[in-house]
Protein backbone atom coordinates (compact mmCIF):
# COMPACT_ATOMS: atom_id res chain seq x y z
CA MET A 1 56.81 103.58 67.03
CA MET A 2 59.58 101.45 65.64
CA LYS A 3 61.10 101.37 69.05
CA LYS A 4 57.87 99.95 70.50
CA LEU A 5 57.70 97.26 67.83
CA LYS A 6 61.26 96.26 68.53
CA SER A 7 60.41 95.86 72.17
CA ILE A 8 57.76 93.18 71.41
CA ASN A 9 58.93 89.60 71.97
CA TRP A 10 57.77 88.03 68.70
CA ARG A 11 58.82 84.59 69.79
CA ASN A 12 56.30 84.75 72.60
CA VAL A 13 53.62 86.07 70.27
CA ILE A 14 54.08 83.21 67.84
CA LEU A 15 54.13 80.71 70.67
CA PHE A 16 50.94 82.23 72.03
CA LEU A 17 49.19 81.91 68.69
CA PHE A 18 50.19 78.25 68.36
CA VAL A 19 48.91 77.56 71.85
CA MET A 20 45.59 79.29 71.13
CA VAL A 21 45.04 77.36 67.91
CA GLY A 22 45.83 74.11 69.69
CA LEU A 23 43.47 74.99 72.51
CA LEU A 24 40.71 75.76 70.01
CA VAL A 25 41.20 72.41 68.28
CA LEU A 26 41.36 70.63 71.61
CA ALA A 27 38.35 72.50 72.86
CA GLN A 28 36.36 71.51 69.81
CA SER A 29 37.12 67.84 70.43
CA PHE A 30 36.11 68.15 74.03
CA VAL A 31 32.93 70.04 73.36
CA LEU A 32 31.49 67.45 70.90
CA PRO A 33 28.24 66.31 72.46
CA ASP A 34 27.48 62.71 73.31
CA MET A 35 25.43 61.68 70.29
CA VAL A 36 24.72 58.09 71.35
CA GLY A 37 20.96 57.66 71.15
CA TRP A 38 20.49 60.38 68.56
CA ASP A 39 18.54 59.58 65.40
CA VAL A 40 19.76 60.32 61.89
CA GLU A 41 17.78 63.54 61.54
CA ARG A 42 19.28 65.04 64.73
CA VAL A 43 22.82 64.04 63.73
CA LYS A 44 22.44 65.62 60.30
CA HIS A 45 21.07 68.82 61.85
CA TYR A 46 24.03 69.06 64.19
CA GLU A 47 26.49 68.31 61.37
CA SER A 48 25.08 71.09 59.20
CA GLY A 49 25.58 73.67 61.96
CA ASN A 50 29.10 72.70 62.98
CA ASP A 51 32.36 72.48 61.10
CA ILE A 52 33.07 68.80 61.77
CA THR A 53 33.70 65.70 59.70
CA ILE A 54 31.82 62.55 60.70
CA ASP A 55 32.69 59.00 59.64
CA TYR A 56 29.44 57.03 59.45
CA ARG A 57 29.21 53.32 60.07
CA SER A 58 26.41 50.87 60.81
CA VAL A 59 25.80 47.60 62.58
CA TYR A 60 22.86 45.26 63.15
CA SER A 61 21.34 45.48 66.61
CA ASP A 62 18.52 43.64 68.35
CA THR A 63 18.34 46.20 71.17
CA VAL A 64 18.84 49.62 69.57
CA ALA A 65 16.15 51.01 67.28
CA TYR A 66 16.83 51.39 63.58
CA GLY A 67 18.60 54.64 62.64
CA THR A 68 19.86 55.36 66.18
CA VAL A 69 23.50 56.02 67.10
CA THR A 70 24.80 53.02 69.04
CA GLU A 71 28.42 54.11 69.48
CA GLN A 72 30.59 57.24 69.28
CA GLU A 73 34.38 57.35 69.20
CA LYS A 74 37.11 59.83 68.37
CA CYS A 75 38.98 59.54 65.15
CA GLY A 76 42.66 58.63 65.31
CA LYS A 77 45.43 60.99 64.33
CA GLU A 78 45.79 59.39 60.90
CA GLN A 79 42.05 59.45 60.18
CA LYS A 80 40.56 62.35 58.24
CA CYS A 81 37.58 62.82 60.50
CA ASP A 82 36.56 64.27 63.85
CA VAL A 83 34.24 61.58 65.14
CA ILE A 84 33.03 58.11 64.21
CA LEU A 85 29.33 57.40 64.65
CA THR A 86 27.87 53.91 64.36
CA PHE A 87 24.17 53.66 63.58
CA SER A 88 21.88 50.71 64.24
CA LYS A 89 20.65 48.92 61.10
CA GLY A 90 17.99 47.27 63.24
CA LYS A 91 17.52 43.52 63.36
CA ASP A 92 19.44 41.30 60.95
CA VAL A 93 16.72 39.85 58.73
CA SER A 94 19.05 39.21 55.78
CA SER A 95 18.59 35.44 56.05
CA GLN A 96 14.87 35.38 56.73
CA SER A 97 12.07 34.66 54.29
CA GLU A 98 10.46 37.30 52.10
CA GLU A 99 7.35 37.21 54.28
CA GLU A 100 9.39 37.78 57.45
CA VAL A 101 11.49 40.55 55.90
CA LYS A 102 8.45 42.44 54.67
CA ALA A 103 6.73 42.06 58.03
CA TYR A 104 9.77 43.58 59.74
CA ILE A 105 9.88 46.46 57.24
CA ASP A 106 6.20 47.12 57.97
CA GLU A 107 7.08 47.31 61.69
CA LEU A 108 9.75 49.94 61.00
CA ILE A 109 7.31 51.98 58.93
CA ALA A 110 4.57 51.69 61.58
CA SER A 111 7.06 52.85 64.24
CA GLN A 112 7.96 55.83 61.99
CA LEU A 113 11.60 54.79 62.04
CA ILE A 114 11.57 54.81 58.26
CA ASP A 115 9.31 56.06 55.53
CA SER A 116 7.89 53.64 52.98
CA LYS A 117 9.65 55.66 50.24
CA GLN A 118 12.98 54.75 51.81
CA VAL A 119 12.49 51.06 51.01
CA VAL A 120 13.68 49.96 47.56
CA TYR A 121 12.68 46.50 46.34
CA ASN A 122 14.97 45.66 43.43
CA GLU A 123 13.79 43.29 40.71
CA PRO A 124 14.07 39.68 41.92
CA GLU A 125 17.04 37.81 40.49
CA TYR A 126 17.92 34.17 39.85
CA SER A 127 20.39 32.70 42.31
CA ASN A 128 22.06 29.32 42.56
CA GLU A 129 23.13 30.03 46.15
CA VAL A 130 19.98 31.58 47.69
CA ASN A 131 16.65 29.76 47.84
CA GLN A 132 13.60 31.28 46.23
CA GLY A 133 11.92 33.92 48.41
CA TYR A 134 14.99 34.82 50.45
CA PRO A 135 17.13 37.94 50.12
CA ILE A 136 20.12 37.80 47.82
CA SER A 137 21.04 41.18 49.28
CA TYR A 138 19.64 43.19 52.20
CA ASP A 139 21.41 46.55 52.48
CA ALA A 140 20.24 48.76 55.34
CA GLU A 141 21.89 52.19 55.15
CA PRO A 142 20.48 54.37 57.95
CA TYR A 143 22.48 57.52 57.22
CA GLU A 144 21.54 57.29 53.51
CA GLU A 145 17.97 56.64 54.66
CA LYS A 146 17.60 53.66 52.32
CA ILE A 147 16.92 49.97 52.69
CA ARG A 148 17.61 48.08 49.47
CA ILE A 149 16.42 44.48 49.08
CA THR A 150 16.81 41.95 46.25
CA PHE A 151 14.88 38.71 46.62
CA SER A 152 15.88 35.44 44.99
CA LYS A 153 13.82 33.76 42.29
CA GLY A 154 15.75 30.60 43.07
CA PRO A 155 18.05 28.77 40.63
CA GLU A 156 17.58 29.68 37.00
CA ILE A 157 15.85 26.92 35.07
CA HIS A 158 16.66 26.23 31.43
CA VAL A 159 15.09 23.50 29.34
CA TYR A 160 16.65 22.33 26.07
CA GLU A 161 15.19 19.72 23.74
CA ALA A 162 16.53 17.91 20.71
CA SER A 163 15.38 14.99 18.60
CA MET A 164 17.55 12.02 17.76
CA VAL A 165 17.27 9.03 15.46
CA GLY A 166 19.36 5.91 15.26
CA ILE A 167 19.59 3.13 12.73
CA GLY A 168 21.51 -0.13 12.52
CA ASP A 169 23.99 -1.52 10.01
CA ILE A 170 25.10 -0.09 6.69
CA LEU A 171 26.52 -3.31 5.29
CA LEU A 172 27.62 -2.69 1.71
CA HIS A 173 27.83 -5.98 -0.14
CA ASP A 174 29.13 -5.76 -3.70
CA THR A 175 25.63 -6.18 -5.11
CA VAL A 176 24.62 -3.01 -3.27
CA TYR A 177 27.51 -0.73 -4.14
CA ASN A 178 27.67 -1.91 -7.74
CA ASP A 179 23.97 -1.08 -8.08
CA PHE A 180 24.87 2.59 -7.39
CA ARG A 181 27.97 2.82 -9.56
CA VAL A 182 27.36 5.76 -11.88
CA GLU A 183 30.47 5.53 -14.05
CA GLY A 184 33.88 4.03 -13.67
CA GLU A 185 34.86 4.22 -9.99
CA ALA A 186 32.23 6.81 -8.98
CA PHE A 187 29.15 6.02 -6.91
CA ASP A 188 25.93 7.79 -5.97
CA PHE A 189 23.84 6.29 -3.16
CA ALA A 190 21.39 9.20 -2.94
CA PRO A 191 18.59 7.27 -4.75
CA LEU A 192 18.86 4.49 -2.16
CA PHE A 193 17.82 6.85 0.63
CA GLU A 194 15.27 8.97 -1.17
CA HIS A 195 12.23 7.46 0.59
CA VAL A 196 13.68 7.53 4.12
CA LYS A 197 15.42 10.90 4.06
CA PRO A 198 12.27 12.69 5.36
CA TYR A 199 12.52 10.62 8.56
CA ILE A 200 16.23 11.26 9.10
CA ASP A 201 16.91 14.80 7.95
CA PRO A 202 14.71 16.68 10.47
CA ALA A 203 16.45 15.10 13.48
CA ASP A 204 18.98 17.14 15.42
CA PHE A 205 21.15 14.09 16.06
CA ALA A 206 21.26 11.11 13.73
CA PHE A 207 23.30 7.95 14.40
CA VAL A 208 24.33 5.14 12.06
CA ASN A 209 26.67 2.16 12.28
CA GLN A 210 28.86 2.32 9.18
CA GLU A 211 29.72 -1.35 9.42
CA THR A 212 31.90 -1.58 6.34
CA ASN A 213 35.10 0.43 6.48
CA ILE A 214 35.26 3.13 3.78
CA GLY A 215 38.78 2.75 2.42
CA GLY A 216 37.78 3.73 -1.11
CA VAL A 217 38.75 2.28 -4.46
CA GLU A 218 42.46 3.04 -3.89
CA ILE A 219 42.86 0.00 -1.66
CA GLY A 220 40.31 -2.10 -3.54
CA LEU A 221 36.59 -2.42 -2.99
CA SER A 222 35.48 -5.75 -1.55
CA SER A 223 32.52 -7.60 -0.10
CA TYR A 224 31.97 -10.46 2.35
CA PRO A 225 33.88 -11.64 4.31
CA ASN A 226 36.40 -8.76 4.24
CA PHE A 227 34.62 -5.56 3.33
CA ASN A 228 35.88 -2.29 1.92
CA SER A 229 33.43 0.31 0.65
CA PRO A 230 33.36 3.42 -1.57
CA TYR A 231 34.00 6.79 0.00
CA GLU A 232 30.73 8.13 -1.42
CA ILE A 233 28.57 6.28 1.12
CA ALA A 234 29.76 8.70 3.83
CA ARG A 235 28.86 11.74 1.72
CA ASP A 236 25.40 10.44 0.88
CA LEU A 237 24.58 9.44 4.46
CA ILE A 238 25.63 12.89 5.65
CA ASN A 239 23.49 14.47 2.94
CA ILE A 240 20.33 12.83 4.34
CA GLY A 241 21.07 14.07 7.86
CA PHE A 242 23.39 11.64 9.63
CA ASN A 243 25.98 13.31 11.84
CA MET A 244 27.05 10.54 14.27
CA PHE A 245 28.90 7.52 12.91
CA SER A 246 30.10 4.40 14.69
CA ARG A 247 33.17 2.76 13.15
CA ALA A 248 33.74 0.06 15.78
CA ASN A 249 32.45 -3.29 14.53
CA ASN A 250 33.70 -6.71 13.52
CA HIS A 251 34.66 -5.46 10.03
CA THR A 252 36.71 -2.43 11.13
CA LEU A 253 40.01 -4.24 10.51
CA ASP A 254 39.01 -6.10 7.36
CA LYS A 255 41.61 -4.13 5.37
CA GLY A 256 44.06 -3.78 8.22
CA GLU A 257 45.74 -0.55 9.23
CA ASP A 258 45.75 0.75 5.65
CA GLY A 259 41.96 0.56 5.55
CA VAL A 260 41.58 2.44 8.84
CA LEU A 261 44.03 5.16 7.81
CA ALA A 262 42.35 5.69 4.45
CA ALA A 263 38.93 5.89 6.10
CA GLN A 264 40.14 8.30 8.80
CA LYS A 265 41.62 10.62 6.20
CA HIS A 266 38.33 10.70 4.33
CA TRP A 267 36.11 11.16 7.40
CA GLU A 268 38.17 14.19 8.36
CA THR A 269 37.16 15.98 5.16
CA PHE A 270 33.65 16.48 6.56
CA GLU A 271 32.56 19.15 9.01
CA GLY A 272 29.71 19.02 11.51
CA ILE A 273 29.89 15.28 12.13
CA ILE A 274 31.55 12.97 14.64
CA THR A 275 32.85 9.43 14.32
CA SER A 276 33.79 7.04 17.08
CA GLY A 277 35.42 3.66 17.56
CA SER A 278 38.35 3.81 15.14
CA THR A 279 41.06 6.36 14.42
CA ASP A 280 44.70 6.75 13.43
CA SER A 281 46.48 7.87 16.61
CA ALA A 282 46.52 7.47 20.37
CA GLU A 283 46.00 11.22 20.77
CA LYS A 284 42.80 11.17 18.73
CA ARG A 285 41.61 8.08 20.62
CA GLU A 286 41.79 10.07 23.87
CA GLN A 287 39.53 12.80 22.49
CA ILE A 288 35.86 12.13 23.25
CA PRO A 289 33.74 12.79 20.12
CA VAL A 290 31.09 15.39 21.01
CA ILE A 291 28.46 17.09 18.88
CA GLU A 292 26.19 19.93 20.00
CA GLN A 293 22.68 20.84 18.85
CA ASN A 294 20.04 23.03 20.50
CA GLY A 295 22.21 23.63 23.56
CA ILE A 296 22.73 19.90 24.19
CA LYS A 297 26.14 18.26 23.92
CA VAL A 298 26.11 14.56 23.03
CA ALA A 299 29.14 12.28 23.30
CA LEU A 300 29.44 9.13 21.19
CA LEU A 301 31.40 6.09 22.38
CA SER A 302 31.66 2.97 20.22
CA TYR A 303 32.84 -0.57 20.95
CA SER A 304 32.88 -3.98 19.26
CA TYR A 305 33.04 -7.49 20.72
CA GLY A 306 35.83 -8.38 18.24
CA PHE A 307 37.14 -7.96 14.71
CA ASN A 308 36.18 -10.85 12.47
CA GLY A 309 39.25 -12.87 13.39
CA HIS A 310 41.65 -9.99 12.71
CA ARG A 311 44.09 -9.16 15.50
CA LEU A 312 44.30 -5.67 16.87
CA PRO A 313 47.96 -4.60 17.02
CA GLU A 314 49.01 -4.39 20.68
CA ASP A 315 50.90 -1.15 20.05
CA LYS A 316 48.00 0.42 18.09
CA PRO A 317 44.80 -0.24 20.08
CA TYR A 318 43.37 3.03 18.74
CA LEU A 319 42.74 1.43 15.32
CA ALA A 320 39.55 -0.17 16.65
CA ASN A 321 37.76 -0.08 20.02
CA GLU A 322 37.31 -3.51 21.54
CA PHE A 323 34.93 -3.49 24.49
CA ASP A 324 36.68 -3.60 27.85
CA TYR A 325 34.98 -2.69 31.13
CA GLU A 326 37.83 -0.61 32.54
CA ILE A 327 38.49 1.23 29.29
CA ALA A 328 34.79 1.92 28.86
CA ARG A 329 34.54 3.14 32.48
CA SER A 330 37.37 5.60 31.83
CA ASP A 331 35.82 6.77 28.55
CA ILE A 332 32.45 7.35 30.20
CA GLU A 333 33.97 9.43 32.98
CA LYS A 334 35.76 11.58 30.40
CA ALA A 335 32.53 11.92 28.42
CA LYS A 336 30.68 13.14 31.50
CA SER A 337 33.13 16.01 31.81
CA VAL A 338 32.59 17.27 28.25
CA ALA A 339 29.01 16.33 27.34
CA ASP A 340 25.46 16.41 28.69
CA SER A 341 24.30 13.10 27.26
CA ILE A 342 26.24 9.93 26.46
CA VAL A 343 25.37 7.58 23.59
CA VAL A 344 27.15 4.23 23.45
CA SER A 345 27.20 2.13 20.29
CA MET A 346 27.62 -1.57 21.10
CA HIS A 347 28.45 -4.07 18.35
CA TRP A 348 27.48 -7.26 20.18
CA GLY A 349 25.11 -10.19 20.46
CA VAL A 350 24.32 -13.28 18.43
CA GLU A 351 23.79 -12.95 14.70
CA TYR A 352 20.21 -13.52 13.48
CA SER A 353 18.79 -13.86 17.02
CA ASN A 354 15.78 -11.69 17.85
CA ILE A 355 16.42 -11.99 21.59
CA PRO A 356 19.32 -10.27 23.38
CA SER A 357 21.88 -12.62 24.89
CA GLU A 358 22.69 -12.73 28.58
CA MET A 359 25.98 -10.95 27.86
CA GLN A 360 24.17 -8.15 26.04
CA LYS A 361 21.82 -7.69 28.99
CA GLU A 362 24.69 -7.81 31.47
CA GLN A 363 26.72 -5.22 29.57
CA ALA A 364 23.68 -3.01 29.02
CA GLN A 365 22.92 -2.96 32.74
CA TRP A 366 26.56 -2.21 33.52
CA LEU A 367 26.48 0.74 31.09
CA ALA A 368 23.27 1.98 32.71
CA ASP A 369 24.95 1.77 36.11
CA GLN A 370 27.75 4.00 34.78
CA GLY A 371 25.22 6.68 33.86
CA VAL A 372 25.01 6.19 30.08
CA HIS A 373 21.77 7.60 28.64
CA ILE A 374 21.39 5.71 25.36
CA ILE A 375 22.71 2.36 24.10
CA LEU A 376 22.35 1.58 20.40
CA GLY A 377 23.06 -2.04 19.52
CA THR A 378 24.18 -3.49 16.20
CA HIS A 379 25.58 -6.75 14.72
CA PRO A 380 22.75 -9.35 14.92
CA HIS A 381 21.42 -8.07 11.51
CA VAL A 382 17.86 -8.52 12.77
CA LEU A 383 15.72 -6.46 15.09
CA GLN A 384 15.89 -7.02 18.83
CA PRO A 385 13.74 -5.35 21.53
CA VAL A 386 14.02 -1.87 22.98
CA ASP A 387 13.99 -1.48 26.75
CA LEU A 388 14.35 1.14 29.47
CA LEU A 389 16.85 0.21 32.18
CA THR A 390 17.29 1.73 35.62
CA GLY A 391 20.87 2.42 36.67
CA GLN A 392 22.21 1.96 40.16
CA HIS A 393 21.72 5.66 40.91
CA GLY A 394 18.13 5.68 39.70
CA ASN A 395 18.97 7.01 36.25
CA LYS A 396 17.11 5.77 33.17
CA THR A 397 18.89 4.31 30.14
CA LEU A 398 17.26 3.60 26.79
CA VAL A 399 18.69 0.50 25.12
CA ALA A 400 17.98 -0.79 21.62
CA TYR A 401 19.61 -4.23 21.67
CA SER A 402 19.74 -4.41 17.87
CA LEU A 403 18.41 -2.09 15.18
CA GLY A 404 18.94 -4.66 12.44
CA ASN A 405 20.11 -4.00 8.90
CA PHE A 406 19.31 -0.64 7.36
CA VAL A 407 21.16 -1.45 4.15
CA SER A 408 22.66 -4.80 3.14
CA GLY A 409 22.74 -7.40 0.41
CA GLN A 410 21.59 -10.15 2.77
CA LYS A 411 18.50 -12.28 2.12
CA GLY A 412 15.64 -13.37 4.35
CA LEU A 413 12.75 -11.21 5.51
CA ASP A 414 13.98 -10.64 9.07
CA ARG A 415 17.35 -9.47 7.65
CA LEU A 416 15.69 -7.08 5.25
CA VAL A 417 13.75 -5.37 8.04
CA GLY A 418 15.52 -2.69 10.03
CA ALA A 419 14.22 0.30 11.92
CA ILE A 420 14.59 3.98 12.64
CA LEU A 421 14.48 4.59 16.37
CA LYS A 422 13.45 8.14 17.25
CA PHE A 423 13.39 9.79 20.68
CA ASN A 424 13.79 13.17 22.27
CA ILE A 425 16.62 14.27 24.54
CA LYS A 426 15.49 16.75 27.19
CA LYS A 427 18.12 18.66 29.15
CA THR A 428 17.04 20.60 32.24
CA THR A 429 19.44 22.81 34.15
CA ILE A 430 18.43 24.09 37.57
CA GLY A 431 21.28 26.24 38.77
CA ASN A 432 24.39 24.11 38.47
CA VAL A 433 22.50 20.81 38.30
CA THR A 434 21.77 19.23 34.91
CA THR A 435 19.41 16.32 34.28
CA ILE A 436 18.85 14.40 31.06
CA GLU A 437 15.61 12.64 30.14
CA ILE A 438 14.97 10.43 27.13
CA GLU A 439 11.37 10.88 26.03
CA HIS A 440 8.84 9.49 23.55
CA PRO A 441 10.80 6.66 21.92
CA GLN A 442 9.23 5.53 18.64
CA LEU A 443 10.34 2.79 16.30
CA MET A 444 9.50 2.84 12.59
CA PRO A 445 10.29 -0.48 10.84
CA THR A 446 12.03 -0.14 7.47
CA TYR A 447 12.42 -2.49 4.53
CA ASN A 448 15.57 -2.75 2.41
CA TYR A 449 15.09 -4.85 -0.70
CA ALA A 450 16.12 -5.34 -4.30
CA LYS A 451 13.38 -4.92 -6.85
CA GLN A 452 15.16 -7.41 -9.05
CA ALA A 453 17.71 -10.04 -8.13
CA GLY A 454 20.62 -8.04 -6.71
CA GLN A 455 19.52 -4.84 -8.47
CA GLU A 456 17.52 -1.67 -7.86
CA TYR A 457 17.94 -1.59 -4.10
CA ASP A 458 15.66 0.66 -2.08
CA VAL A 459 14.88 1.48 1.56
CA ILE A 460 11.29 2.34 2.43
CA PRO A 461 8.98 2.31 5.47
CA LEU A 462 7.97 -1.31 6.07
CA ILE A 463 4.29 -0.39 6.03
CA ASP A 464 4.66 0.77 2.40
CA SER A 465 6.16 -2.53 1.23
CA ASP A 466 4.63 -5.75 -0.03
CA GLN A 467 5.71 -7.21 3.34
CA ALA A 468 3.54 -4.79 5.33
CA GLU A 469 2.00 -7.62 7.36
CA TYR A 470 5.40 -8.12 9.00
CA PHE A 471 4.78 -4.81 10.77
CA GLU A 472 2.65 -6.64 13.34
CA THR A 473 5.45 -9.16 13.91
CA VAL A 474 7.78 -6.29 14.78
CA ARG A 475 5.16 -4.74 17.04
CA ALA A 476 4.64 -8.04 18.85
CA LEU A 477 8.40 -8.48 19.33
CA MET A 478 8.69 -5.06 20.95
CA GLU A 479 5.53 -5.26 23.06
CA THR A 480 6.22 -8.78 24.30
CA TYR A 481 9.56 -7.72 25.70
CA SER A 482 8.80 -4.20 26.92
CA SER A 483 6.29 -1.37 26.64
CA THR A 484 9.12 1.15 26.36
CA VAL A 485 8.85 1.96 22.67
CA GLU A 486 5.87 2.79 20.47
CA VAL A 487 6.01 1.00 17.13
CA VAL A 488 4.72 3.42 14.49
CA GLU A 489 4.04 3.24 10.77
CA TYR A 490 5.71 6.61 10.21
CA ILE A 491 7.87 8.87 12.30
CA THR A 492 6.36 12.33 12.14
CA TYR A 493 8.12 15.68 12.19
CA ASP A 494 6.78 19.09 11.36
CA LYS A 495 8.86 18.92 8.18
CA VAL A 496 7.57 15.52 7.09
CA GLU A 497 4.66 15.44 4.70
CA GLN A 498 2.91 12.14 4.19
């Protein structure tokens, strides 16, 4: 027996076995049927009965029915498969309307190429890229026997609304601040605003022109013509709801650089507010003041026509913003990049004139052309009209040419009458596009007076004063110039109780 085994040529046996295995493998590749034209069910049946690995692919086709093999090819040596089959996904309807897509799906079902259970309609989704009623995704997977579709609801729409009020000048003559001195060098202006707080506090945004620089007692309080006011006025204005302060006006430099630096240091002790128009460094001047409420970001830019004869240091232009077209253009462009709505405070015009000057109207139109949404004017110390301008791109800009005095020690009825201007800011985002609308402007005249000569100052709604008949004068001024604003006896909020 051993002799017989030794006589066998094992090399030939091994070679024979290798050849047979190779022939079997080769035979298997040659005996694969031509599956072009087969449907999915037939392919799966064949796969289950044969030891083969199939790589499945798919392609849209206008000529080959859905779920039919359009192409068959051998796998390469480096591929872990025996054959590649490409199925037809049917017609490409991925860019057609919902109506057209569903009609095509119905055709496939009617032709029994698919079953209705194989169609999955995902929940529609918002899309900034795909129009409403068109597929965001259309995934036809013949071998998986699924068609998955997600239709677009179009761009997502968000609407945000916020209320805003604006007033004119806080001009603290010595008679005013001395009336609210509580002891020594301490002041409390809260009683001054008691009757108007209900019309300020509910607003989301509240603007005021703090005309007199608040340098505090350390650098000496003073009145006309070079003002310097107590720190406490800022605290008490903030306490009644103000959160946007303009500091660019003709009195900004009344106490020079020391006054600005002292004021800046004090303003920075408060949180949740913004100031504009005066600061203590070039770096801070480059930062656009922005405040956000209710999903709306508002930028505040402030400028003055000049500085009461005081010269702005050439190397420190940041101490006070003097209006310049090119500088303002640059500021506005920066503001557009960081805010939704832009408010510009303009200290301009002719003192004690109820009509805006040609320069005011020219600058207002220029600001509207730049895309500014709101212009709040100060300096004339009397009321001027409110108007709605159309910018060069069709945008609308609300302009109050002058909101008069809110607080002052001046005399004369027209200088004692100011106003609270209220309006709504509506922000609508449709996809990546944002629009801003200014809605429902109302103007409530106010009356700032001293109950005695230079004493017991108060601010109240004009209609509640002994000068209530002047209300009709204010209404006539506004209506003669424009129908933009509604002159009201009281601004109403849900929180205000008459």
